[in-house]
Amino acid sequence: MKIIASALALLTVLSVSTLAQSSSATESVLQINRFGWAERTSQFWCEGCSELPPATQDYRWRHRPGAGDFAVLVNLKNLSRKPIKSISLDFVFRDSATESEFLTYSFRFEKVIGRGKTKQLQHTIAKGKEPDNFRPARPNYELLDHTRFCGDGPLALDRTTRQVVRIRDNAKLLKVIPCYYLPNVTQIEYTDGSTWQP
């Protein structure tokens, strides 16, 4: 499912109004090729755990390496006529059934992206760090843990019909993908000092 949603993300092109000093025409300035959010734990955190008592399994799960550390990844292409100096993004998490927002993570990437160039940007959020980069601020671990099950967008592949559908319209998908996230560009700063904001 995530593969299909990621493929759809490849088609995502943010069309934004050009800066005030240019014409009033609409111009594409940024293309988001891929994006992701994940907990930074190894999938091999506990080999042989199935043979251990449930209390031991639970303890090892709660104390696995990287528990509570999350990472954000965005692959962007600069379609504008100017090199980008920095990009501010919000990762907005929504409930799949209601599509209501329950968490937002904001971050600013300070990376130069030349005209027509593509760059992959990554950032790790260590457990308990950057509490004010979240809305609501200082989210508890349970809320962050819930994001591990979020899909990358409101669409997914229904394996029965082989159709891409909205998660909220499919009862089976709602059980597997209770939430989703999307990146939202909030500001672009160019190397010439000019900025763009939606």
C-alpha atoms as a PDB file:
ATOM      1  CA  MET A   1       0.000   0.000   0.000  1.00  0.00           C
ATOM      2  CA  LYS A   2       2.756   2.413   0.904  1.00  0.00           C
ATOM      3  CA  ILE A   3       4.384   1.727  -2.478  1.00  0.00           C
ATOM      4  CA  ILE A   4       1.262   2.918  -4.330  1.00  0.00           C
ATOM      5  CA  ALA A   5       0.875   5.953  -2.085  1.00  0.00           C
ATOM      6  CA  SER A   6       4.566   6.732  -2.606  1.00  0.00           C
ATOM      7  CA  ALA A   7       4.107   6.395  -6.357  1.00  0.00           C
ATOM      8  CA  LEU A   8       1.273   8.891  -6.174  1.00  0.00           C
ATOM      9  CA  ALA A   9       3.524  11.189  -4.197  1.00  0.00           C
ATOM     10  CA  LEU A  10       5.919  11.130  -7.156  1.00  0.00           C
ATOM     11  CA  LEU A  11       3.251  12.973  -9.088  1.00  0.00           C
ATOM     12  CA  THR A  12       2.866  15.640  -6.427  1.00  0.00           C
ATOM     13  CA  VAL A  13       3.934  19.003  -7.727  1.00  0.00           C
ATOM     14  CA  LEU A  14       3.322  22.031  -5.624  1.00  0.00           C
ATOM     15  CA  SER A  15       2.019  24.839  -7.788  1.00  0.00           C
ATOM     16  CA  VAL A  16       2.416  28.106  -5.979  1.00  0.00           C
ATOM     17  CA  SER A  17       2.054  31.721  -6.812  1.00  0.00           C
ATOM     18  CA  THR A  18       5.308  33.315  -7.767  1.00  0.00           C
ATOM     19  CA  LEU A  19       6.926  35.861  -5.513  1.00  0.00           C
ATOM     20  CA  ALA A  20       5.341  39.302  -5.291  1.00  0.00           C
ATOM     21  CA  GLN A  21       8.038  40.933  -7.434  1.00  0.00           C
ATOM     22  CA  SER A  22       7.284  38.681 -10.415  1.00  0.00           C
ATOM     23  CA  SER A  23       4.210  38.292 -12.590  1.00  0.00           C
ATOM     24  CA  SER A  24       0.883  37.151 -11.201  1.00  0.00           C
ATOM     25  CA  ALA A  25       0.997  33.923 -13.229  1.00  0.00           C
ATOM     26  CA  THR A  26       1.161  30.600 -11.416  1.00  0.00           C
ATOM     27  CA  GLU A  27       4.482  28.801 -11.606  1.00  0.00           C
ATOM     28  CA  SER A  28       5.579  25.394 -10.277  1.00  0.00           C
ATOM     29  CA  VAL A  29       8.535  25.971  -7.980  1.00  0.00           C
ATOM     30  CA  LEU A  30       8.946  22.705  -6.090  1.00  0.00           C
ATOM     31  CA  GLN A  31       8.276  19.027  -6.694  1.00  0.00           C
ATOM     32  CA  ILE A  32       8.042  16.530  -3.835  1.00  0.00           C
ATOM     33  CA  ASN A  33       9.221  13.186  -5.216  1.00  0.00           C
ATOM     34  CA  ARG A  34       9.135  11.123  -2.008  1.00  0.00           C
ATOM     35  CA  PHE A  35       8.476  11.643   1.660  1.00  0.00           C
ATOM     36  CA  GLY A  36       8.458   9.492   4.764  1.00  0.00           C
ATOM     37  CA  TRP A  37       8.123   9.326   8.534  1.00  0.00           C
ATOM     38  CA  ALA A  38       9.319   6.369  10.603  1.00  0.00           C
ATOM     39  CA  GLU A  39      10.549   5.297  13.978  1.00  0.00           C
ATOM     40  CA  ARG A  40      14.325   4.754  13.880  1.00  0.00           C
ATOM     41  CA  THR A  41      14.385   1.229  15.288  1.00  0.00           C
ATOM     42  CA  SER A  42      15.844  -1.915  13.843  1.00  0.00           C
ATOM     43  CA  GLN A  43      13.369  -4.498  12.633  1.00  0.00           C
ATOM     44  CA  PHE A  44      15.586  -7.096  14.341  1.00  0.00           C
ATOM     45  CA  TRP A  45      15.212  -5.634  17.836  1.00  0.00           C
ATOM     46  CA  CYS A  46      14.505  -8.983  19.481  1.00  0.00           C
ATOM     47  CA  GLU A  47      15.437 -12.246  17.840  1.00  0.00           C
ATOM     48  CA  GLY A  48      13.861 -15.241  19.523  1.00  0.00           C
ATOM     49  CA  CYS A  49      11.350 -13.108  21.449  1.00  0.00           C
ATOM     50  CA  SER A  50       8.448 -15.368  20.573  1.00  0.00           C
ATOM     51  CA  GLU A  51       9.850 -17.956  22.990  1.00  0.00           C
ATOM     52  CA  LEU A  52      10.113 -15.495  25.909  1.00  0.00           C
ATOM     53  CA  PRO A  53       7.432 -14.786  28.531  1.00  0.00           C
ATOM     54  CA  PRO A  54       5.037 -11.915  27.591  1.00  0.00           C
ATOM     55  CA  ALA A  55       6.395  -9.633  30.351  1.00  0.00           C
ATOM     56  CA  THR A  56       9.946 -10.028  28.992  1.00  0.00           C
ATOM     57  CA  GLN A  57       8.747  -9.372  25.441  1.00  0.00           C
ATOM     58  CA  ASP A  58       6.974  -6.220  26.601  1.00  0.00           C
ATOM     59  CA  TYR A  59      10.060  -4.996  28.474  1.00  0.00           C
ATOM     60  CA  ARG A  60      12.304  -5.586  25.461  1.00  0.00           C
ATOM     61  CA  TRP A  61       9.808  -3.812  23.185  1.00  0.00           C
ATOM     62  CA  ARG A  62       9.690  -0.736  25.409  1.00  0.00           C
ATOM     63  CA  HIS A  63      13.518  -0.650  25.699  1.00  0.00           C
ATOM     64  CA  ARG A  64      14.444  -1.519  22.112  1.00  0.00           C
ATOM     65  CA  PRO A  65      17.242   0.563  20.557  1.00  0.00           C
ATOM     66  CA  GLY A  66      15.861   3.704  18.914  1.00  0.00           C
ATOM     67  CA  ALA A  67      12.451   3.494  20.606  1.00  0.00           C
ATOM     68  CA  GLY A  68      10.913   6.950  20.487  1.00  0.00           C
ATOM     69  CA  ASP A  69      13.401   8.293  17.919  1.00  0.00           C
ATOM     70  CA  PHE A  70      11.648   9.291  14.703  1.00  0.00           C
ATOM     71  CA  ALA A  71      12.935  10.403  11.318  1.00  0.00           C
ATOM     72  CA  VAL A  72      11.547  12.549   8.542  1.00  0.00           C
ATOM     73  CA  LEU A  73      12.650  12.219   4.908  1.00  0.00           C
ATOM     74  CA  VAL A  74      11.765  14.385   1.907  1.00  0.00           C
ATOM     75  CA  ASN A  75      13.105  14.168  -1.631  1.00  0.00           C
ATOM     76  CA  LEU A  76      12.604  17.509  -3.406  1.00  0.00           C
ATOM     77  CA  LYS A  77      13.295  18.974  -6.823  1.00  0.00           C
ATOM     78  CA  ASN A  78      13.738  22.734  -7.216  1.00  0.00           C
ATOM     79  CA  LEU A  79      11.685  23.803 -10.245  1.00  0.00           C
ATOM     80  CA  SER A  80      12.132  27.526  -9.643  1.00  0.00           C
ATOM     81  CA  ARG A  81      14.546  29.875 -11.399  1.00  0.00           C
ATOM     82  CA  LYS A  82      16.529  30.509  -8.196  1.00  0.00           C
ATOM     83  CA  PRO A  83      18.633  28.320  -5.894  1.00  0.00           C
ATOM     84  CA  ILE A  84      16.863  27.435  -2.642  1.00  0.00           C
ATOM     85  CA  LYS A  85      18.665  28.177   0.637  1.00  0.00           C
ATOM     86  CA  SER A  86      16.179  26.598   3.078  1.00  0.00           C
ATOM     87  CA  ILE A  87      12.763  24.951   3.181  1.00  0.00           C
ATOM     88  CA  SER A  88      10.352  24.913   6.113  1.00  0.00           C
ATOM     89  CA  LEU A  89       7.976  21.967   6.229  1.00  0.00           C
ATOM     90  CA  ASP A  90       5.104  20.724   8.337  1.00  0.00           C
ATOM     91  CA  PHE A  91       4.390  17.001   8.474  1.00  0.00           C
ATOM     92  CA  VAL A  92       0.638  16.952   9.155  1.00  0.00           C
ATOM     93  CA  PHE A  93      -0.847  13.783  10.663  1.00  0.00           C
ATOM     94  CA  ARG A  94      -4.567  13.105  10.191  1.00  0.00           C
ATOM     95  CA  ASP A  95      -7.035  10.477  11.335  1.00  0.00           C
ATOM     96  CA  SER A  96      -7.975   8.350   8.299  1.00  0.00           C
ATOM     97  CA  ALA A  97     -11.667   8.079   9.180  1.00  0.00           C
ATOM     98  CA  THR A  98     -12.376  11.731   9.983  1.00  0.00           C
ATOM     99  CA  GLU A  99      -9.386  13.338   8.230  1.00  0.00           C
ATOM    100  CA  SER A 100      -9.019  15.601  11.259  1.00  0.00           C
ATOM    101  CA  GLU A 101      -5.520  16.732  12.177  1.00  0.00           C
ATOM    102  CA  PHE A 102      -4.118  15.283  15.403  1.00  0.00           C
ATOM    103  CA  LEU A 103      -0.389  16.122  15.228  1.00  0.00           C
ATOM    104  CA  THR A 104       1.966  18.359  13.245  1.00  0.00           C
ATOM    105  CA  TYR A 105       5.764  18.293  13.187  1.00  0.00           C
ATOM    106  CA  SER A 106       7.527  21.433  11.874  1.00  0.00           C
ATOM    107  CA  PHE A 107      11.125  21.579  10.731  1.00  0.00           C
ATOM    108  CA  ARG A 108      13.402  23.798   8.657  1.00  0.00           C
ATOM    109  CA  PHE A 109      15.947  22.200   6.344  1.00  0.00           C
ATOM    110  CA  GLU A 110      18.988  24.418   5.753  1.00  0.00           C
ATOM    111  CA  LYS A 111      20.227  22.942   2.469  1.00  0.00           C
ATOM    112  CA  VAL A 112      21.022  24.661  -0.808  1.00  0.00           C
ATOM    113  CA  ILE A 113      19.165  23.140  -3.751  1.00  0.00           C
ATOM    114  CA  GLY A 114      20.276  24.518  -7.099  1.00  0.00           C
ATOM    115  CA  ARG A 115      17.931  25.325  -9.997  1.00  0.00           C
ATOM    116  CA  GLY A 116      16.601  22.070 -11.446  1.00  0.00           C
ATOM    117  CA  LYS A 117      18.431  20.010  -8.834  1.00  0.00           C
ATOM    118  CA  THR A 118      17.025  17.262  -6.623  1.00  0.00           C
ATOM    119  CA  LYS A 119      18.037  16.687  -3.031  1.00  0.00           C
ATOM    120  CA  GLN A 120      17.044  14.201  -0.360  1.00  0.00           C
ATOM    121  CA  LEU A 121      16.665  15.776   3.066  1.00  0.00           C
ATOM    122  CA  GLN A 122      16.608  13.721   6.262  1.00  0.00           C
ATOM    123  CA  HIS A 123      16.355  14.592   9.925  1.00  0.00           C
ATOM    124  CA  THR A 124      16.168  12.443  13.070  1.00  0.00           C
ATOM    125  CA  ILE A 125      14.140  13.566  16.069  1.00  0.00           C
ATOM    126  CA  ALA A 126      15.679  12.019  19.188  1.00  0.00           C
ATOM    127  CA  LYS A 127      13.269  10.927  21.909  1.00  0.00           C
ATOM    128  CA  GLY A 128      12.295  13.870  24.096  1.00  0.00           C
ATOM    129  CA  LYS A 129      14.077  16.416  21.887  1.00  0.00           C
ATOM    130  CA  GLU A 130      12.485  19.225  19.870  1.00  0.00           C
ATOM    131  CA  PRO A 131       9.252  19.209  21.917  1.00  0.00           C
ATOM    132  CA  ASP A 132       8.276  22.655  20.641  1.00  0.00           C
ATOM    133  CA  ASN A 133       8.511  21.570  16.992  1.00  0.00           C
ATOM    134  CA  PHE A 134       5.271  19.631  17.522  1.00  0.00           C
ATOM    135  CA  ARG A 135       1.687  20.855  17.696  1.00  0.00           C
ATOM    136  CA  PRO A 136       0.425  20.058  20.229  1.00  0.00           C
ATOM    137  CA  ALA A 137       3.745  20.793  21.923  1.00  0.00           C
ATOM    138  CA  ARG A 138       5.466  18.057  23.903  1.00  0.00           C
ATOM    139  CA  PRO A 139       3.379  15.108  22.657  1.00  0.00           C
ATOM    140  CA  ASN A 140       3.475  12.011  24.848  1.00  0.00           C
ATOM    141  CA  TYR A 141       5.025   8.764  23.604  1.00  0.00           C
ATOM    142  CA  GLU A 142       1.621   7.147  22.995  1.00  0.00           C
ATOM    143  CA  LEU A 143       0.688   9.858  20.498  1.00  0.00           C
ATOM    144  CA  LEU A 144       4.048   9.596  18.715  1.00  0.00           C
ATOM    145  CA  ASP A 145       3.834   5.798  18.794  1.00  0.00           C
ATOM    146  CA  HIS A 146       0.463   6.037  17.011  1.00  0.00           C
ATOM    147  CA  THR A 147       2.231   7.714  14.049  1.00  0.00           C
ATOM    148  CA  ARG A 148       4.148   4.466  13.374  1.00  0.00           C
ATOM    149  CA  PHE A 149       0.953   3.093  11.836  1.00  0.00           C
ATOM    150  CA  CYS A 150       0.218   6.088   9.607  1.00  0.00           C
ATOM    151  CA  GLY A 151       0.258   5.771   5.838  1.00  0.00           C
ATOM    152  CA  ASP A 152       1.918   8.261   3.532  1.00  0.00           C
ATOM    153  CA  GLY A 153      -1.209   9.930   2.190  1.00  0.00           C
ATOM    154  CA  PRO A 154      -5.001   9.511   2.177  1.00  0.00           C
ATOM    155  CA  LEU A 155      -4.983   6.977  -0.701  1.00  0.00           C
ATOM    156  CA  ALA A 156      -4.073   3.294  -0.694  1.00  0.00           C
ATOM    157  CA  LEU A 157      -4.391   0.235  -2.888  1.00  0.00           C
ATOM    158  CA  ASP A 158      -7.407  -1.983  -2.245  1.00  0.00           C
ATOM    159  CA  ARG A 159      -5.870  -5.391  -2.936  1.00  0.00           C
ATOM    160  CA  THR A 160      -9.263  -6.951  -3.649  1.00  0.00           C
ATOM    161  CA  THR A 161     -10.351  -4.540  -6.376  1.00  0.00           C
ATOM    162  CA  ARG A 162      -6.797  -3.483  -7.397  1.00  0.00           C
ATOM    163  CA  GLN A 163      -8.047   0.129  -7.283  1.00  0.00           C
ATOM    164  CA  VAL A 164      -6.506   3.089  -5.499  1.00  0.00           C
ATOM    165  CA  VAL A 165      -9.128   4.353  -3.038  1.00  0.00           C
ATOM    166  CA  ARG A 166      -9.486   6.841  -0.199  1.00  0.00           C
ATOM    167  CA  ILE A 167      -8.655   5.042   3.045  1.00  0.00           C
ATOM    168  CA  ARG A 168     -11.710   6.489   4.832  1.00  0.00           C
ATOM    169  CA  ASP A 169     -14.011   4.878   2.242  1.00  0.00           C
ATOM    170  CA  ASN A 170     -12.701   1.337   2.839  1.00  0.00           C
ATOM    171  CA  ALA A 171     -13.422  -0.432   6.156  1.00  0.00           C
ATOM    172  CA  LYS A 172     -10.576  -2.954   5.743  1.00  0.00           C
ATOM    173  CA  LEU A 173      -8.004  -0.257   5.015  1.00  0.00           C
ATOM    174  CA  LEU A 174      -9.207   1.823   7.980  1.00  0.00           C
ATOM    175  CA  LYS A 175      -8.258  -1.047  10.304  1.00  0.00           C
ATOM    176  CA  VAL A 176      -4.734  -1.276   8.874  1.00  0.00           C
ATOM    177  CA  ILE A 177      -4.051   2.425   8.211  1.00  0.00           C
ATOM    178  CA  PRO A 178      -5.745   4.384  11.015  1.00  0.00           C
ATOM    179  CA  CYS A 179      -3.962   7.608  10.106  1.00  0.00           C
ATOM    180  CA  TYR A 180      -1.873   9.233   7.400  1.00  0.00           C
ATOM    181  CA  TYR A 181       0.571  12.105   6.970  1.00  0.00           C
ATOM    182  CA  LEU A 182       1.443  14.578   4.251  1.00  0.00           C
ATOM    183  CA  PRO A 183       4.195  17.195   3.971  1.00  0.00           C
ATOM    184  CA  ASN A 184       3.178  20.830   3.690  1.00  0.00           C
ATOM    185  CA  VAL A 185       5.725  23.424   2.554  1.00  0.00           C
ATOM    186  CA  THR A 186       5.303  26.518   4.735  1.00  0.00           C
ATOM    187  CA  GLN A 187       8.223  28.634   3.489  1.00  0.00           C
ATOM    188  CA  ILE A 188      10.983  28.612   0.899  1.00  0.00           C
ATOM    189  CA  GLU A 189      13.960  30.924   1.302  1.00  0.00           C
ATOM    190  CA  TYR A 190      16.106  31.584  -1.752  1.00  0.00           C
ATOM    191  CA  THR A 191      19.829  32.351  -1.805  1.00  0.00           C
ATOM    192  CA  ASP A 192      19.077  35.919  -2.971  1.00  0.00           C
ATOM    193  CA  GLY A 193      17.215  36.571   0.304  1.00  0.00           C
ATOM    194  CA  SER A 194      13.691  36.456  -1.141  1.00  0.00           C
ATOM    195  CA  THR A 195      11.084  34.089   0.318  1.00  0.00           C
ATOM    196  CA  TRP A 196       7.890  32.330  -0.680  1.00  0.00           C
ATOM    197  CA  GLN A 197       5.044  31.482   1.705  1.00  0.00           C
ATOM    198  CA  PRO A 198       1.634  30.025   0.853  1.00  0.00           C
END
